[in-house]
Amino acid sequence: MRSRARSERLDLARDLPTTAKDNEALRHAKTARPLDLEDYLRFLDQLPPTSPRDLRAKRGPRADQPFALV
């Protein structure tokens, strides 16, 4: 779907509302070291598990069998 009408440009200094917490998070992200694989896996392990019911409710492609490259 495409729109022929052009939208106005977004002025990030004026049109993007941010909070003090947003600014603090951006500053932290700028100076923080990137996660290595072990850190990332530990982060993922902290997330709550997703039930099969919730996964089925998500939109996306469906197939009888997993995707495979041939």
PDB file of N, CA and C in Angstrom:
ATOM      1  N   MET A   1       0.842  -1.155   0.000  1.00  0.00           N
ATOM      2  CA  MET A   1       0.000   0.000   0.000  1.00  0.00           C
ATOM      3  C   MET A   1       0.898   1.232   0.000  1.00  0.00           C
ATOM      4  N   ARG A   2       0.590   2.180  -0.857  1.00  0.00           N
ATOM      5  CA  ARG A   2       1.366   3.414  -0.935  1.00  0.00           C
ATOM      6  C   ARG A   2       0.429   4.604  -0.922  1.00  0.00           C
ATOM      7  N   SER A   3       0.933   5.666  -0.385  1.00  0.00           N
ATOM      8  CA  SER A   3       0.172   6.900  -0.366  1.00  0.00           C
ATOM      9  C   SER A   3       0.832   7.881  -1.314  1.00  0.00           C
ATOM     10  N   ARG A   4       0.036   8.536  -2.107  1.00  0.00           N
ATOM     11  CA  ARG A   4       0.590   9.530  -3.029  1.00  0.00           C
ATOM     12  C   ARG A   4       0.820  10.859  -2.330  1.00  0.00           C
ATOM     13  N   ALA A   5       0.123  11.077  -1.225  1.00  0.00           N
ATOM     14  CA  ALA A   5       0.289  12.334  -0.505  1.00  0.00           C
ATOM     15  C   ALA A   5       1.615  12.301   0.262  1.00  0.00           C
ATOM     16  N   ARG A   6       2.364  13.366   0.159  1.00  0.00           N
ATOM     17  CA  ARG A   6       3.633  13.460   0.870  1.00  0.00           C
ATOM     18  C   ARG A   6       3.379  13.947   2.284  1.00  0.00           C
ATOM     19  N   SER A   7       4.059  13.364   3.217  1.00  0.00           N
ATOM     20  CA  SER A   7       3.913  13.820   4.591  1.00  0.00           C
ATOM     21  C   SER A   7       4.989  14.869   4.885  1.00  0.00           C
ATOM     22  N   GLU A   8       4.722  15.666   5.910  1.00  0.00           N
ATOM     23  CA  GLU A   8       5.690  16.691   6.289  1.00  0.00           C
ATOM     24  C   GLU A   8       6.922  16.028   6.892  1.00  0.00           C
ATOM     25  N   ARG A   9       8.065  16.691   6.726  1.00  0.00           N
ATOM     26  CA  ARG A   9       9.291  16.180   7.326  1.00  0.00           C
ATOM     27  C   ARG A   9       9.199  16.293   8.839  1.00  0.00           C
ATOM     28  N   LEU A  10       9.792  15.343   9.509  1.00  0.00           N
ATOM     29  CA  LEU A  10       9.799  15.321  10.962  1.00  0.00           C
ATOM     30  C   LEU A  10      11.006  16.107  11.460  1.00  0.00           C
ATOM     31  N   ASP A  11      10.764  17.138  12.238  1.00  0.00           N
ATOM     32  CA  ASP A  11      11.830  17.919  12.850  1.00  0.00           C
ATOM     33  C   ASP A  11      12.126  17.277  14.205  1.00  0.00           C
ATOM     34  N   LEU A  12      13.247  16.560  14.289  1.00  0.00           N
ATOM     35  CA  LEU A  12      13.543  15.795  15.495  1.00  0.00           C
ATOM     36  C   LEU A  12      13.699  16.678  16.727  1.00  0.00           C
ATOM     37  N   ALA A  13      14.160  17.904  16.558  1.00  0.00           N
ATOM     38  CA  ALA A  13      14.338  18.795  17.701  1.00  0.00           C
ATOM     39  C   ALA A  13      13.001  19.316  18.210  1.00  0.00           C
ATOM     40  N   ARG A  14      12.021  19.389  17.340  1.00  0.00           N
ATOM     41  CA  ARG A  14      10.742  19.982  17.724  1.00  0.00           C
ATOM     42  C   ARG A  14       9.616  18.968  17.823  1.00  0.00           C
ATOM     43  N   ASP A  15       9.566  18.014  16.914  1.00  0.00           N
ATOM     44  CA  ASP A  15       8.401  17.151  16.764  1.00  0.00           C
ATOM     45  C   ASP A  15       8.502  15.792  17.447  1.00  0.00           C
ATOM     46  N   LEU A  16       9.623  15.498  18.064  1.00  0.00           N
ATOM     47  CA  LEU A  16       9.787  14.202  18.686  1.00  0.00           C
ATOM     48  C   LEU A  16       9.872  14.389  20.199  1.00  0.00           C
ATOM     49  N   PRO A  17       8.761  14.176  20.902  1.00  0.00           N
ATOM     50  CA  PRO A  17       8.788  14.404  22.343  1.00  0.00           C
ATOM     51  C   PRO A  17       9.657  13.366  23.052  1.00  0.00           C
ATOM     52  N   THR A  18      10.535  13.836  23.911  1.00  0.00           N
ATOM     53  CA  THR A  18      11.374  12.942  24.707  1.00  0.00           C
ATOM     54  C   THR A  18      11.293  13.356  26.164  1.00  0.00           C
ATOM     55  N   THR A  19      11.591  12.414  27.018  1.00  0.00           N
ATOM     56  CA  THR A  19      11.588  12.679  28.445  1.00  0.00           C
ATOM     57  C   THR A  19      13.028  12.655  28.954  1.00  0.00           C
ATOM     58  N   ALA A  20      13.208  13.034  30.208  1.00  0.00           N
ATOM     59  CA  ALA A  20      14.538  12.977  30.808  1.00  0.00           C
ATOM     60  C   ALA A  20      15.044  11.537  30.837  1.00  0.00           C
ATOM     61  N   LYS A  21      14.135  10.590  31.056  1.00  0.00           N
ATOM     62  CA  LYS A  21      14.532   9.174  31.046  1.00  0.00           C
ATOM     63  C   LYS A  21      15.010   8.745  29.656  1.00  0.00           C
ATOM     64  N   ASP A  22      14.345   9.235  28.607  1.00  0.00           N
ATOM     65  CA  ASP A  22      14.782   8.926  27.242  1.00  0.00           C
ATOM     66  C   ASP A  22      16.205   9.421  27.023  1.00  0.00           C
ATOM     67  N   ASN A  23      16.460  10.660  27.408  1.00  0.00           N
ATOM     68  CA  ASN A  23      17.786  11.249  27.221  1.00  0.00           C
ATOM     69  C   ASN A  23      18.840  10.491  28.019  1.00  0.00           C
ATOM     70  N   GLU A  24      18.504  10.102  29.240  1.00  0.00           N
ATOM     71  CA  GLU A  24      19.426   9.339  30.069  1.00  0.00           C
ATOM     72  C   GLU A  24      19.749   7.990  29.422  1.00  0.00           C
ATOM     73  N   ALA A  25      18.733   7.324  28.887  1.00  0.00           N
ATOM     74  CA  ALA A  25      18.943   6.029  28.229  1.00  0.00           C
ATOM     75  C   ALA A  25      19.820   6.185  26.980  1.00  0.00           C
ATOM     76  N   LEU A  26      19.619   7.249  26.230  1.00  0.00           N
ATOM     77  CA  LEU A  26      20.440   7.475  25.036  1.00  0.00           C
ATOM     78  C   LEU A  26      21.894   7.735  25.412  1.00  0.00           C
ATOM     79  N   ARG A  27      22.104   8.527  26.458  1.00  0.00           N
ATOM     80  CA  ARG A  27      23.473   8.794  26.908  1.00  0.00           C
ATOM     81  C   ARG A  27      24.144   7.495  27.370  1.00  0.00           C
ATOM     82  N   HIS A  28      23.403   6.682  28.112  1.00  0.00           N
ATOM     83  CA  HIS A  28      23.949   5.407  28.576  1.00  0.00           C
ATOM     84  C   HIS A  28      24.289   4.497  27.400  1.00  0.00           C
ATOM     85  N   ALA A  29      23.398   4.421  26.428  1.00  0.00           N
ATOM     86  CA  ALA A  29      23.623   3.558  25.261  1.00  0.00           C
ATOM     87  C   ALA A  29      24.850   4.011  24.465  1.00  0.00           C
ATOM     88  N   LYS A  30      25.094   5.316  24.458  1.00  0.00           N
ATOM     89  CA  LYS A  30      26.226   5.850  23.706  1.00  0.00           C
ATOM     90  C   LYS A  30      27.555   5.429  24.325  1.00  0.00           C
ATOM     91  N   THR A  31      27.597   5.326  25.662  1.00  0.00           N
ATOM     92  CA  THR A  31      28.860   5.018  26.333  1.00  0.00           C
ATOM     93  C   THR A  31      28.987   3.552  26.733  1.00  0.00           C
ATOM     94  N   ALA A  32      27.909   2.806  26.698  1.00  0.00           N
ATOM     95  CA  ALA A  32      27.950   1.400  27.115  1.00  0.00           C
ATOM     96  C   ALA A  32      28.651   0.557  26.056  1.00  0.00           C
ATOM     97  N   ARG A  33      29.334  -0.473  26.525  1.00  0.00           N
ATOM     98  CA  ARG A  33      29.976  -1.376  25.565  1.00  0.00           C
ATOM     99  C   ARG A  33      28.922  -2.294  24.959  1.00  0.00           C
ATOM    100  N   PRO A  34      29.118  -2.711  23.727  1.00  0.00           N
ATOM    101  CA  PRO A  34      28.162  -3.634  23.113  1.00  0.00           C
ATOM    102  C   PRO A  34      28.144  -4.971  23.866  1.00  0.00           C
ATOM    103  N   LEU A  35      27.006  -5.620  23.846  1.00  0.00           N
ATOM    104  CA  LEU A  35      26.900  -6.934  24.487  1.00  0.00           C
ATOM    105  C   LEU A  35      27.656  -7.974  23.675  1.00  0.00           C
ATOM    106  N   ASP A  36      28.384  -8.825  24.368  1.00  0.00           N
ATOM    107  CA  ASP A  36      28.956  -9.970  23.661  1.00  0.00           C
ATOM    108  C   ASP A  36      27.909 -11.082  23.667  1.00  0.00           C
ATOM    109  N   LEU A  37      28.219 -12.180  23.035  1.00  0.00           N
ATOM    110  CA  LEU A  37      27.242 -13.257  22.886  1.00  0.00           C
ATOM    111  C   LEU A  37      26.778 -13.791  24.237  1.00  0.00           C
ATOM    112  N   GLU A  38      27.704 -13.987  25.166  1.00  0.00           N
ATOM    113  CA  GLU A  38      27.338 -14.515  26.489  1.00  0.00           C
ATOM    114  C   GLU A  38      26.387 -13.557  27.220  1.00  0.00           C
ATOM    115  N   ASP A  39      26.692 -12.263  27.181  1.00  0.00           N
ATOM    116  CA  ASP A  39      25.816 -11.278  27.831  1.00  0.00           C
ATOM    117  C   ASP A  39      24.433 -11.274  27.196  1.00  0.00           C
ATOM    118  N   TYR A  40      24.413 -11.362  25.867  1.00  0.00           N
ATOM    119  CA  TYR A  40      23.141 -11.336  25.165  1.00  0.00           C
ATOM    120  C   TYR A  40      22.301 -12.567  25.510  1.00  0.00           C
ATOM    121  N   LEU A  41      22.936 -13.718  25.578  1.00  0.00           N
ATOM    122  CA  LEU A  41      22.205 -14.941  25.929  1.00  0.00           C
ATOM    123  C   LEU A  41      21.687 -14.874  27.365  1.00  0.00           C
ATOM    124  N   ARG A  42      22.478 -14.290  28.278  1.00  0.00           N
ATOM    125  CA  ARG A  42      22.002 -14.104  29.656  1.00  0.00           C
ATOM    126  C   ARG A  42      20.797 -13.169  29.683  1.00  0.00           C
ATOM    127  N   PHE A  43      20.845 -12.098  28.879  1.00  0.00           N
ATOM    128  CA  PHE A  43      19.716 -11.175  28.790  1.00  0.00           C
ATOM    129  C   PHE A  43      18.473 -11.905  28.296  1.00  0.00           C
ATOM    130  N   LEU A  44      18.608 -12.678  27.233  1.00  0.00           N
ATOM    131  CA  LEU A  44      17.462 -13.415  26.695  1.00  0.00           C
ATOM    132  C   LEU A  44      16.918 -14.408  27.704  1.00  0.00           C
ATOM    133  N   ASP A  45      17.803 -15.003  28.497  1.00  0.00           N
ATOM    134  CA  ASP A  45      17.378 -15.984  29.492  1.00  0.00           C
ATOM    135  C   ASP A  45      16.533 -15.346  30.594  1.00  0.00           C
ATOM    136  N   GLN A  46      16.673 -14.035  30.796  1.00  0.00           N
ATOM    137  CA  GLN A  46      15.902 -13.328  31.822  1.00  0.00           C
ATOM    138  C   GLN A  46      14.469 -13.025  31.384  1.00  0.00           C
ATOM    139  N   LEU A  47      14.211 -13.082  30.089  1.00  0.00           N
ATOM    140  CA  LEU A  47      12.874 -12.783  29.589  1.00  0.00           C
ATOM    141  C   LEU A  47      11.914 -13.911  29.935  1.00  0.00           C
ATOM    142  N   PRO A  48      10.671 -13.560  30.219  1.00  0.00           N
ATOM    143  CA  PRO A  48       9.714 -14.628  30.536  1.00  0.00           C
ATOM    144  C   PRO A  48       9.427 -15.471  29.288  1.00  0.00           C
ATOM    145  N   PRO A  49       9.172 -16.766  29.481  1.00  0.00           N
ATOM    146  CA  PRO A  49       8.870 -17.612  28.329  1.00  0.00           C
ATOM    147  C   PRO A  49       7.541 -17.211  27.687  1.00  0.00           C
ATOM    148  N   THR A  50       7.468 -17.404  26.395  1.00  0.00           N
ATOM    149  CA  THR A  50       6.247 -17.118  25.650  1.00  0.00           C
ATOM    150  C   THR A  50       5.513 -18.430  25.418  1.00  0.00           C
ATOM    151  N   SER A  51       4.226 -18.425  25.712  1.00  0.00           N
ATOM    152  CA  SER A  51       3.450 -19.658  25.559  1.00  0.00           C
ATOM    153  C   SER A  51       3.177 -19.938  24.077  1.00  0.00           C
ATOM    154  N   PRO A  52       3.015 -21.203  23.721  1.00  0.00           N
ATOM    155  CA  PRO A  52       2.660 -21.530  22.337  1.00  0.00           C
ATOM    156  C   PRO A  52       1.376 -20.812  21.894  1.00  0.00           C
ATOM    157  N   ARG A  53       0.431 -20.646  22.815  1.00  0.00           N
ATOM    158  CA  ARG A  53      -0.819 -19.954  22.481  1.00  0.00           C
ATOM    159  C   ARG A  53      -0.537 -18.503  22.062  1.00  0.00           C
ATOM    160  N   ASP A  54       0.335 -17.818  22.808  1.00  0.00           N
ATOM    161  CA  ASP A  54       0.682 -16.441  22.457  1.00  0.00           C
ATOM    162  C   ASP A  54       1.419 -16.378  21.122  1.00  0.00           C
ATOM    163  N   LEU A  55       2.292 -17.345  20.890  1.00  0.00           N
ATOM    164  CA  LEU A  55       3.016 -17.362  19.618  1.00  0.00           C
ATOM    165  C   LEU A  55       2.067 -17.585  18.445  1.00  0.00           C
ATOM    166  N   ARG A  56       1.091 -18.461  18.623  1.00  0.00           N
ATOM    167  CA  ARG A  56       0.117 -18.707  17.541  1.00  0.00           C
ATOM    168  C   ARG A  56      -0.730 -17.473  17.272  1.00  0.00           C
ATOM    169  N   ALA A  57      -0.950 -16.644  18.292  1.00  0.00           N
ATOM    170  CA  ALA A  57      -1.784 -15.458  18.132  1.00  0.00           C
ATOM    171  C   ALA A  57      -1.064 -14.341  17.376  1.00  0.00           C
ATOM    172  N   LYS A  58       0.271 -14.419  17.275  1.00  0.00           N
ATOM    173  CA  LYS A  58       1.022 -13.386  16.556  1.00  0.00           C
ATOM    174  C   LYS A  58       0.778 -13.503  15.060  1.00  0.00           C
ATOM    175  N   ARG A  59       0.760 -12.355  14.407  1.00  0.00           N
ATOM    176  CA  ARG A  59       0.620 -12.356  12.960  1.00  0.00           C
ATOM    177  C   ARG A  59       1.930 -12.774  12.322  1.00  0.00           C
ATOM    178  N   GLY A  60       1.857 -13.355  11.172  1.00  0.00           N
ATOM    179  CA  GLY A  60       3.061 -13.750  10.454  1.00  0.00           C
ATOM    180  C   GLY A  60       2.777 -14.942   9.569  1.00  0.00           C
ATOM    181  N   PRO A  61       3.792 -15.379   8.830  1.00  0.00           N
ATOM    182  CA  PRO A  61       3.595 -16.502   7.923  1.00  0.00           C
ATOM    183  C   PRO A  61       3.330 -17.792   8.693  1.00  0.00           C
ATOM    184  N   ARG A  62       2.533 -18.638   8.109  1.00  0.00           N
ATOM    185  CA  ARG A  62       2.208 -19.936   8.703  1.00  0.00           C
ATOM    186  C   ARG A  62       2.486 -21.022   7.668  1.00  0.00           C
ATOM    187  N   ALA A  63       2.966 -22.142   8.154  1.00  0.00           N
ATOM    188  CA  ALA A  63       3.225 -23.266   7.253  1.00  0.00           C
ATOM    189  C   ALA A  63       3.105 -24.559   8.033  1.00  0.00           C
ATOM    190  N   ASP A  64       2.882 -25.641   7.300  1.00  0.00           N
ATOM    191  CA  ASP A  64       2.792 -26.948   7.951  1.00  0.00           C
ATOM    192  C   ASP A  64       4.158 -27.421   8.415  1.00  0.00           C
ATOM    193  N   GLN A  65       5.210 -27.017   7.682  1.00  0.00           N
ATOM    194  CA  GLN A  65       6.551 -27.456   8.017  1.00  0.00           C
ATOM    195  C   GLN A  65       7.474 -26.245   8.141  1.00  0.00           C
ATOM    196  N   PRO A  66       8.566 -26.375   8.883  1.00  0.00           N
ATOM    197  CA  PRO A  66       9.523 -25.264   9.002  1.00  0.00           C
ATOM    198  C   PRO A  66      10.104 -24.888   7.649  1.00  0.00           C
ATOM    199  N   PHE A  67      10.510 -23.661   7.542  1.00  0.00           N
ATOM    200  CA  PHE A  67      11.145 -23.165   6.321  1.00  0.00           C
ATOM    201  C   PHE A  67      12.470 -23.864   6.104  1.00  0.00           C
ATOM    202  N   ALA A  68      12.768 -24.240   4.893  1.00  0.00           N
ATOM    203  CA  ALA A  68      14.039 -24.883   4.557  1.00  0.00           C
ATOM    204  C   ALA A  68      14.543 -24.363   3.228  1.00  0.00           C
ATOM    205  N   LEU A  69      15.838 -24.117   3.169  1.00  0.00           N
ATOM    206  CA  LEU A  69      16.460 -23.727   1.898  1.00  0.00           C
ATOM    207  C   LEU A  69      16.748 -24.998   1.098  1.00  0.00           C
ATOM    208  N   VAL A  70      16.450 -24.964  -0.168  1.00  0.00           N
ATOM    209  CA  VAL A  70      16.725 -26.143  -1.010  1.00  0.00           C
ATOM    210  C   VAL A  70      17.685 -25.796  -2.098  1.00  0.00           C
TER     211      VAL A  70
END
